[in-house]
Amino acid sequence: MTTAVSKTVRLLAGGNPQVAKGEGDGPVQAYIAAMPGWKRAVGQRIDALVARHVPGARKAVKWNSPFYGPADEGRGWFLSFHVFTRFVKVTFFNGAALKPVPPGGQQPEARWVDVHEGDLDEAQMSDWIRQAAALPGWSGGNASIAGSGAAAKSATRKAGR
């Protein structure tokens, strides 16, 4: 299902686009189009890498971040990204199982990489995307693997931390 997207997008603190939550490619493309400066190219490349390596991937915007999952809805989400002032944070929800493990994160499962301007390693990102899509993903119920943007803050509050 694809949800209509408002044409007016506000940038939140750090430059993260505020896009209404929605399922499908439309909300994700609206988010990417609203990413400021060089960060838009990072979003476009990540989106293209997912499309190349995970045919039929599900897409959605939740918590003002794009989410990607395998075509099979029952397998959860494997990747999300979020704009910050100096970087784009790319979170792999089952990232602790990836080889090599992405450098960011202390949670039991989630790991991330902060992509700075001119710093996207497409070969490594492609490898992580392929691996992550083959693993069980995050379905939203396990706070310990919600490691992206507002989703992490929300999950942490719900877990009482």
N, C-alpha and C. Protein backbone atom coordinates (compact mmCIF):
# COMPACT_ATOMS: atom_id res chain seq x y z
N MET A 1 0.83 -1.17 0.00
CA MET A 1 0.00 0.00 0.00
C MET A 1 0.88 1.23 0.00
N THR A 2 0.53 2.22 -0.83
CA THR A 2 1.26 3.47 -0.89
C THR A 2 0.39 4.57 -0.33
N THR A 3 0.99 5.41 0.50
CA THR A 3 0.26 6.50 1.15
C THR A 3 0.64 7.81 0.50
N ALA A 4 -0.33 8.70 0.30
CA ALA A 4 -0.06 10.03 -0.27
C ALA A 4 0.82 10.82 0.68
N VAL A 5 1.63 11.71 0.11
CA VAL A 5 2.58 12.49 0.89
C VAL A 5 2.31 13.98 0.68
N SER A 6 2.35 14.74 1.77
CA SER A 6 2.19 16.18 1.70
C SER A 6 3.38 16.79 0.95
N LYS A 7 3.13 17.85 0.18
CA LYS A 7 4.20 18.50 -0.56
C LYS A 7 5.03 19.44 0.32
N THR A 8 4.51 19.84 1.49
CA THR A 8 5.23 20.71 2.40
C THR A 8 6.00 19.87 3.40
N VAL A 9 7.32 20.04 3.39
CA VAL A 9 8.17 19.28 4.31
C VAL A 9 8.97 20.27 5.14
N ARG A 10 8.93 20.09 6.45
CA ARG A 10 9.68 20.93 7.37
C ARG A 10 10.93 20.17 7.80
N LEU A 11 12.04 20.89 7.96
CA LEU A 11 13.26 20.28 8.47
C LEU A 11 13.29 20.45 9.98
N LEU A 12 13.51 19.35 10.67
CA LEU A 12 13.60 19.35 12.13
C LEU A 12 15.04 19.66 12.54
N ALA A 13 15.30 19.66 13.82
CA ALA A 13 16.65 19.90 14.33
C ALA A 13 17.63 18.96 13.64
N GLY A 14 18.77 19.47 13.26
CA GLY A 14 19.77 18.67 12.59
C GLY A 14 19.52 18.51 11.11
N GLY A 15 18.41 19.05 10.61
CA GLY A 15 18.10 18.97 9.18
C GLY A 15 17.31 17.74 8.77
N ASN A 16 16.81 16.97 9.74
CA ASN A 16 16.03 15.78 9.39
C ASN A 16 14.65 16.19 8.86
N PRO A 17 14.27 15.70 7.67
CA PRO A 17 12.95 16.04 7.13
C PRO A 17 11.81 15.47 7.97
N GLN A 18 10.78 16.27 8.17
CA GLN A 18 9.58 15.81 8.84
C GLN A 18 8.58 15.43 7.76
N VAL A 19 8.46 14.14 7.53
CA VAL A 19 7.57 13.60 6.50
C VAL A 19 6.54 12.74 7.21
N ALA A 20 5.29 12.89 6.82
CA ALA A 20 4.23 12.09 7.42
C ALA A 20 4.53 10.61 7.26
N LYS A 21 4.23 9.84 8.30
CA LYS A 21 4.47 8.41 8.19
C LYS A 21 3.60 7.85 7.07
N GLY A 22 4.12 6.81 6.42
CA GLY A 22 3.38 6.20 5.33
C GLY A 22 4.12 5.00 4.79
N GLU A 23 3.40 4.13 4.15
CA GLU A 23 3.95 2.92 3.55
C GLU A 23 4.23 3.16 2.07
N GLY A 24 5.24 2.51 1.54
CA GLY A 24 5.52 2.55 0.11
C GLY A 24 6.66 3.48 -0.27
N ASP A 25 6.92 3.52 -1.56
CA ASP A 25 8.02 4.30 -2.10
C ASP A 25 7.77 5.80 -2.02
N GLY A 26 6.52 6.24 -2.15
CA GLY A 26 6.21 7.67 -2.18
C GLY A 26 6.71 8.44 -0.97
N PRO A 27 6.37 8.01 0.25
CA PRO A 27 6.88 8.73 1.43
C PRO A 27 8.41 8.70 1.53
N VAL A 28 9.02 7.59 1.14
CA VAL A 28 10.48 7.49 1.20
C VAL A 28 11.11 8.47 0.21
N GLN A 29 10.57 8.53 -1.00
CA GLN A 29 11.12 9.47 -1.99
C GLN A 29 10.90 10.92 -1.56
N ALA A 30 9.78 11.21 -0.91
CA ALA A 30 9.54 12.57 -0.39
C ALA A 30 10.57 12.92 0.68
N TYR A 31 10.87 11.96 1.55
CA TYR A 31 11.88 12.17 2.59
C TYR A 31 13.24 12.45 1.94
N ILE A 32 13.63 11.60 0.99
CA ILE A 32 14.93 11.76 0.34
C ILE A 32 15.01 13.10 -0.39
N ALA A 33 13.95 13.48 -1.10
CA ALA A 33 13.93 14.75 -1.82
C ALA A 33 14.09 15.94 -0.88
N ALA A 34 13.65 15.79 0.36
CA ALA A 34 13.74 16.88 1.34
C ALA A 34 15.04 16.88 2.13
N MET A 35 15.88 15.86 1.96
CA MET A 35 17.15 15.83 2.69
C MET A 35 18.02 17.00 2.22
N PRO A 36 18.62 17.75 3.14
CA PRO A 36 19.39 18.93 2.75
C PRO A 36 20.78 18.61 2.18
N GLY A 37 21.18 19.40 1.20
CA GLY A 37 22.55 19.38 0.68
C GLY A 37 23.04 18.02 0.24
N TRP A 38 24.29 17.73 0.60
CA TRP A 38 24.96 16.50 0.19
C TRP A 38 24.28 15.26 0.75
N LYS A 39 23.51 15.43 1.80
CA LYS A 39 22.86 14.29 2.45
C LYS A 39 21.82 13.65 1.53
N ARG A 40 21.22 14.45 0.64
CA ARG A 40 20.25 13.91 -0.32
C ARG A 40 20.91 12.84 -1.20
N ALA A 41 22.13 13.10 -1.67
CA ALA A 41 22.83 12.13 -2.51
C ALA A 41 23.10 10.84 -1.74
N VAL A 42 23.40 10.94 -0.44
CA VAL A 42 23.60 9.75 0.39
C VAL A 42 22.29 8.96 0.46
N GLY A 43 21.17 9.64 0.71
CA GLY A 43 19.88 8.97 0.76
C GLY A 43 19.54 8.29 -0.57
N GLN A 44 19.80 8.99 -1.67
CA GLN A 44 19.53 8.41 -2.99
C GLN A 44 20.37 7.17 -3.23
N ARG A 45 21.64 7.21 -2.84
CA ARG A 45 22.52 6.05 -3.05
C ARG A 45 22.09 4.86 -2.19
N ILE A 46 21.75 5.12 -0.93
CA ILE A 46 21.31 4.02 -0.06
C ILE A 46 20.03 3.41 -0.62
N ASP A 47 19.09 4.24 -1.03
CA ASP A 47 17.84 3.76 -1.62
C ASP A 47 18.13 2.92 -2.87
N ALA A 48 19.03 3.39 -3.72
CA ALA A 48 19.38 2.65 -4.94
C ALA A 48 20.08 1.33 -4.61
N LEU A 49 20.94 1.33 -3.59
CA LEU A 49 21.63 0.08 -3.21
C LEU A 49 20.63 -0.94 -2.68
N VAL A 50 19.66 -0.49 -1.89
CA VAL A 50 18.63 -1.42 -1.41
C VAL A 50 17.85 -1.97 -2.60
N ALA A 51 17.46 -1.11 -3.53
CA ALA A 51 16.69 -1.56 -4.70
C ALA A 51 17.49 -2.57 -5.51
N ARG A 52 18.79 -2.37 -5.63
CA ARG A 52 19.64 -3.28 -6.41
C ARG A 52 19.82 -4.62 -5.72
N HIS A 53 20.02 -4.61 -4.41
CA HIS A 53 20.37 -5.84 -3.70
C HIS A 53 19.21 -6.55 -3.03
N VAL A 54 18.07 -5.88 -2.91
CA VAL A 54 16.90 -6.48 -2.26
C VAL A 54 15.67 -6.21 -3.15
N PRO A 55 15.56 -6.94 -4.25
CA PRO A 55 14.44 -6.70 -5.16
C PRO A 55 13.10 -6.80 -4.43
N GLY A 56 12.23 -5.84 -4.70
CA GLY A 56 10.91 -5.84 -4.09
C GLY A 56 10.89 -5.40 -2.64
N ALA A 57 11.97 -4.78 -2.17
CA ALA A 57 12.04 -4.37 -0.76
C ALA A 57 10.84 -3.50 -0.39
N ARG A 58 10.32 -3.71 0.82
CA ARG A 58 9.26 -2.86 1.37
C ARG A 58 9.89 -1.57 1.87
N LYS A 59 9.14 -0.48 1.74
CA LYS A 59 9.62 0.83 2.19
C LYS A 59 8.52 1.50 2.99
N ALA A 60 8.94 2.31 3.94
CA ALA A 60 7.99 3.11 4.72
C ALA A 60 8.75 4.25 5.38
N VAL A 61 8.01 5.28 5.78
CA VAL A 61 8.56 6.32 6.65
C VAL A 61 7.87 6.17 7.98
N LYS A 62 8.67 6.01 9.03
CA LYS A 62 8.20 5.91 10.41
C LYS A 62 9.15 6.75 11.25
N TRP A 63 8.61 7.43 12.25
CA TRP A 63 9.45 8.25 13.14
C TRP A 63 10.38 9.19 12.36
N ASN A 64 9.88 9.76 11.27
CA ASN A 64 10.66 10.68 10.43
C ASN A 64 11.94 10.06 9.90
N SER A 65 11.88 8.78 9.56
CA SER A 65 13.03 8.08 8.98
C SER A 65 12.53 7.04 7.99
N PRO A 66 13.23 6.86 6.86
CA PRO A 66 12.88 5.77 5.94
C PRO A 66 13.26 4.42 6.55
N PHE A 67 12.40 3.44 6.36
CA PHE A 67 12.64 2.06 6.81
C PHE A 67 12.57 1.15 5.60
N TYR A 68 13.40 0.11 5.60
CA TYR A 68 13.44 -0.86 4.50
C TYR A 68 13.34 -2.27 5.08
N GLY A 69 12.55 -3.10 4.41
CA GLY A 69 12.41 -4.49 4.82
C GLY A 69 12.32 -5.38 3.60
N PRO A 70 12.57 -6.68 3.77
CA PRO A 70 12.41 -7.60 2.65
C PRO A 70 10.95 -7.62 2.19
N ALA A 71 10.71 -8.13 1.01
CA ALA A 71 9.35 -8.17 0.45
C ALA A 71 8.38 -8.91 1.37
N ASP A 72 8.85 -9.89 2.10
CA ASP A 72 8.02 -10.67 3.02
C ASP A 72 7.79 -9.85 4.29
N GLU A 73 6.58 -9.31 4.48
CA GLU A 73 6.28 -8.44 5.62
C GLU A 73 6.57 -9.08 6.97
N GLY A 74 6.45 -10.36 7.07
CA GLY A 74 6.65 -11.05 8.33
C GLY A 74 8.09 -11.04 8.82
N ARG A 75 9.01 -10.54 7.99
CA ARG A 75 10.43 -10.57 8.37
C ARG A 75 10.92 -9.27 8.98
N GLY A 76 10.07 -8.27 9.15
CA GLY A 76 10.47 -7.04 9.82
C GLY A 76 11.31 -6.13 8.96
N TRP A 77 11.89 -5.12 9.61
CA TRP A 77 12.72 -4.10 8.95
C TRP A 77 14.19 -4.40 9.19
N PHE A 78 15.02 -4.21 8.15
CA PHE A 78 16.45 -4.47 8.33
C PHE A 78 17.29 -3.20 8.36
N LEU A 79 16.79 -2.07 7.86
CA LEU A 79 17.61 -0.87 7.74
C LEU A 79 16.74 0.37 7.86
N SER A 80 17.33 1.41 8.42
CA SER A 80 16.71 2.73 8.46
C SER A 80 17.83 3.76 8.41
N PHE A 81 17.48 4.99 8.01
CA PHE A 81 18.47 6.07 8.14
C PHE A 81 17.80 7.34 8.60
N HIS A 82 18.63 8.25 9.14
CA HIS A 82 18.14 9.46 9.79
C HIS A 82 19.18 10.56 9.61
N VAL A 83 18.73 11.77 9.29
CA VAL A 83 19.63 12.90 9.06
C VAL A 83 19.99 13.58 10.38
N PHE A 84 21.27 13.82 10.56
CA PHE A 84 21.78 14.62 11.66
C PHE A 84 22.58 15.78 11.07
N THR A 85 22.99 16.72 11.88
CA THR A 85 23.66 17.93 11.39
C THR A 85 24.87 17.61 10.53
N ARG A 86 25.73 16.71 10.97
CA ARG A 86 27.01 16.46 10.28
C ARG A 86 27.10 15.11 9.58
N PHE A 87 26.04 14.30 9.66
CA PHE A 87 26.11 12.97 9.05
C PHE A 87 24.72 12.39 8.85
N VAL A 88 24.68 11.28 8.10
CA VAL A 88 23.47 10.48 7.97
C VAL A 88 23.75 9.17 8.70
N LYS A 89 22.90 8.86 9.68
CA LYS A 89 23.07 7.65 10.48
C LYS A 89 22.29 6.52 9.80
N VAL A 90 23.01 5.48 9.41
CA VAL A 90 22.40 4.31 8.77
C VAL A 90 22.40 3.18 9.79
N THR A 91 21.20 2.75 10.19
CA THR A 91 21.06 1.73 11.23
C THR A 91 20.66 0.40 10.62
N PHE A 92 21.36 -0.64 11.03
CA PHE A 92 21.02 -2.03 10.69
C PHE A 92 20.47 -2.64 11.97
N PHE A 93 19.19 -3.01 11.95
CA PHE A 93 18.52 -3.44 13.17
C PHE A 93 19.06 -4.74 13.74
N ASN A 94 19.63 -5.58 12.92
CA ASN A 94 20.28 -6.81 13.40
C ASN A 94 21.77 -6.73 13.06
N GLY A 95 22.33 -5.52 13.20
CA GLY A 95 23.70 -5.24 12.77
C GLY A 95 24.79 -5.98 13.51
N ALA A 96 24.52 -6.43 14.74
CA ALA A 96 25.55 -7.17 15.48
C ALA A 96 25.89 -8.49 14.80
N ALA A 97 25.00 -8.97 13.92
CA ALA A 97 25.23 -10.23 13.22
C ALA A 97 25.94 -10.02 11.88
N LEU A 98 26.21 -8.77 11.50
CA LEU A 98 26.87 -8.49 10.22
C LEU A 98 28.38 -8.66 10.34
N LYS A 99 29.01 -8.97 9.21
CA LYS A 99 30.47 -9.11 9.16
C LYS A 99 31.03 -8.19 8.09
N PRO A 100 31.91 -7.27 8.41
CA PRO A 100 32.26 -6.85 9.77
C PRO A 100 31.08 -6.11 10.41
N VAL A 101 31.09 -6.06 11.72
CA VAL A 101 30.03 -5.37 12.45
C VAL A 101 30.18 -3.86 12.21
N PRO A 102 29.09 -3.17 11.83
CA PRO A 102 29.18 -1.70 11.70
C PRO A 102 29.68 -1.08 13.00
N PRO A 103 30.41 0.03 12.91
CA PRO A 103 31.13 0.56 14.07
C PRO A 103 30.30 1.19 15.18
N GLY A 104 29.09 1.66 14.91
CA GLY A 104 28.33 2.37 15.94
C GLY A 104 27.39 1.46 16.70
N GLY A 105 27.21 1.77 17.98
CA GLY A 105 26.19 1.10 18.76
C GLY A 105 26.70 0.20 19.85
N GLN A 106 25.93 0.17 20.93
CA GLN A 106 26.23 -0.68 22.07
C GLN A 106 25.05 -1.57 22.42
N GLN A 107 23.98 -1.47 21.65
CA GLN A 107 22.80 -2.28 21.93
C GLN A 107 23.08 -3.74 21.57
N PRO A 108 22.29 -4.66 22.11
CA PRO A 108 22.55 -6.07 21.83
C PRO A 108 22.51 -6.44 20.34
N GLU A 109 21.59 -5.84 19.56
CA GLU A 109 21.46 -6.22 18.17
C GLU A 109 21.79 -5.10 17.18
N ALA A 110 21.26 -3.91 17.38
CA ALA A 110 21.38 -2.83 16.40
C ALA A 110 22.80 -2.27 16.34
N ARG A 111 23.23 -1.97 15.13
CA ARG A 111 24.51 -1.29 14.90
C ARG A 111 24.29 -0.28 13.78
N TRP A 112 25.11 0.75 13.75
CA TRP A 112 24.97 1.77 12.72
C TRP A 112 26.30 2.30 12.28
N VAL A 113 26.24 3.03 11.20
CA VAL A 113 27.41 3.72 10.67
C VAL A 113 26.98 5.15 10.37
N ASP A 114 27.81 6.11 10.76
CA ASP A 114 27.57 7.51 10.48
C ASP A 114 28.28 7.85 9.18
N VAL A 115 27.51 8.24 8.17
CA VAL A 115 28.07 8.56 6.85
C VAL A 115 28.23 10.08 6.77
N HIS A 116 29.48 10.51 6.66
CA HIS A 116 29.79 11.93 6.54
C HIS A 116 29.95 12.28 5.05
N GLU A 117 30.00 13.56 4.75
CA GLU A 117 30.11 14.01 3.36
C GLU A 117 31.30 13.35 2.67
N GLY A 118 31.05 12.76 1.50
CA GLY A 118 32.10 12.11 0.71
C GLY A 118 32.61 10.81 1.30
N ASP A 119 31.87 10.22 2.25
CA ASP A 119 32.38 9.11 3.04
C ASP A 119 31.59 7.80 2.86
N LEU A 120 30.71 7.72 1.87
CA LEU A 120 29.91 6.50 1.69
C LEU A 120 30.73 5.43 0.99
N ASP A 121 30.99 4.35 1.69
CA ASP A 121 31.70 3.19 1.12
C ASP A 121 30.63 2.28 0.52
N GLU A 122 30.36 2.44 -0.77
CA GLU A 122 29.27 1.71 -1.42
C GLU A 122 29.48 0.20 -1.41
N ALA A 123 30.72 -0.25 -1.55
CA ALA A 123 30.98 -1.69 -1.53
C ALA A 123 30.63 -2.28 -0.17
N GLN A 124 31.08 -1.63 0.90
CA GLN A 124 30.77 -2.13 2.25
C GLN A 124 29.28 -2.02 2.54
N MET A 125 28.67 -0.89 2.17
CA MET A 125 27.24 -0.70 2.40
C MET A 125 26.44 -1.77 1.65
N SER A 126 26.82 -2.06 0.43
CA SER A 126 26.14 -3.11 -0.35
C SER A 126 26.23 -4.46 0.35
N ASP A 127 27.41 -4.77 0.86
CA ASP A 127 27.59 -6.05 1.56
C ASP A 127 26.73 -6.11 2.81
N TRP A 128 26.71 -5.04 3.58
CA TRP A 128 25.87 -5.01 4.78
C TRP A 128 24.39 -5.12 4.42
N ILE A 129 23.95 -4.44 3.37
CA ILE A 129 22.54 -4.50 2.95
C ILE A 129 22.17 -5.93 2.58
N ARG A 130 23.00 -6.60 1.79
CA ARG A 130 22.71 -8.00 1.40
C ARG A 130 22.62 -8.89 2.64
N GLN A 131 23.58 -8.75 3.54
CA GLN A 131 23.57 -9.57 4.76
C GLN A 131 22.34 -9.27 5.62
N ALA A 132 22.05 -7.99 5.85
CA ALA A 132 20.97 -7.58 6.74
C ALA A 132 19.61 -8.05 6.21
N ALA A 133 19.42 -7.98 4.90
CA ALA A 133 18.14 -8.38 4.32
C ALA A 133 17.88 -9.88 4.48
N ALA A 134 18.93 -10.65 4.65
CA ALA A 134 18.80 -12.10 4.81
C ALA A 134 18.55 -12.52 6.26
N LEU A 135 18.68 -11.58 7.19
CA LEU A 135 18.51 -11.87 8.62
C LEU A 135 17.10 -11.51 9.07
N PRO A 136 16.66 -12.04 10.22
CA PRO A 136 15.39 -11.57 10.78
C PRO A 136 15.50 -10.07 11.06
N GLY A 137 14.44 -9.34 10.82
CA GLY A 137 14.46 -7.90 11.02
C GLY A 137 13.74 -7.48 12.27
N TRP A 138 13.64 -6.16 12.45
CA TRP A 138 12.98 -5.57 13.61
C TRP A 138 11.51 -5.35 13.26
N SER A 139 10.62 -5.82 14.11
CA SER A 139 9.19 -5.66 13.85
C SER A 139 8.59 -4.55 14.69
N GLY A 140 9.40 -3.88 15.49
CA GLY A 140 8.92 -2.78 16.30
C GLY A 140 8.63 -3.16 17.74
N GLY A 141 8.67 -4.43 18.06
CA GLY A 141 8.32 -4.85 19.41
C GLY A 141 9.48 -5.03 20.35
N ASN A 142 10.69 -5.08 19.87
CA ASN A 142 11.85 -5.35 20.71
C ASN A 142 12.67 -4.08 20.86
N ALA A 143 12.59 -3.43 22.00
CA ALA A 143 13.26 -2.15 22.21
C ALA A 143 14.76 -2.24 22.05
N SER A 144 15.35 -3.40 22.29
CA SER A 144 16.81 -3.49 22.26
C SER A 144 17.39 -3.35 20.86
N ILE A 145 16.57 -3.45 19.81
CA ILE A 145 17.14 -3.28 18.48
C ILE A 145 16.59 -2.07 17.75
N ALA A 146 15.91 -1.20 18.43
CA ALA A 146 15.42 0.03 17.81
C ALA A 146 16.50 1.09 17.93
N GLY A 147 17.44 1.15 16.99
CA GLY A 147 18.60 2.02 17.14
C GLY A 147 18.64 3.20 16.22
N SER A 148 17.52 3.69 15.73
CA SER A 148 17.57 4.78 14.77
C SER A 148 16.71 5.95 15.20
N GLY A 149 17.31 7.10 15.32
CA GLY A 149 16.59 8.33 15.54
C GLY A 149 15.56 8.26 16.65
N ALA A 150 14.38 8.79 16.39
CA ALA A 150 13.30 8.84 17.38
C ALA A 150 12.83 7.45 17.77
N ALA A 151 12.98 6.47 16.86
CA ALA A 151 12.56 5.11 17.20
C ALA A 151 13.35 4.59 18.39
N ALA A 152 14.63 4.90 18.43
CA ALA A 152 15.45 4.46 19.56
C ALA A 152 15.02 5.14 20.84
N LYS A 153 14.74 6.45 20.78
CA LYS A 153 14.31 7.18 21.97
C LYS A 153 12.98 6.64 22.48
N SER A 154 12.04 6.41 21.55
CA SER A 154 10.73 5.89 21.92
C SER A 154 10.85 4.50 22.54
N ALA A 155 11.63 3.64 21.91
CA ALA A 155 11.79 2.28 22.43
C ALA A 155 12.47 2.29 23.78
N THR A 156 13.44 3.19 23.97
CA THR A 156 14.13 3.28 25.25
C THR A 156 13.16 3.72 26.34
N ARG A 157 12.31 4.72 26.05
CA ARG A 157 11.31 5.16 27.03
C ARG A 157 10.36 4.03 27.38
N LYS A 158 9.89 3.28 26.37
CA LYS A 158 8.95 2.19 26.61
C LYS A 158 9.59 1.10 27.47
N ALA A 159 10.89 0.91 27.30
CA ALA A 159 11.59 -0.12 28.06
C ALA A 159 11.93 0.36 29.48
N GLY A 160 11.66 1.64 29.77
CA GLY A 160 11.91 2.16 31.11
C GLY A 160 13.33 2.51 31.40
N ARG A 161 14.11 2.79 30.34
CA ARG A 161 15.52 3.15 30.53
C ARG A 161 15.72 4.63 30.46
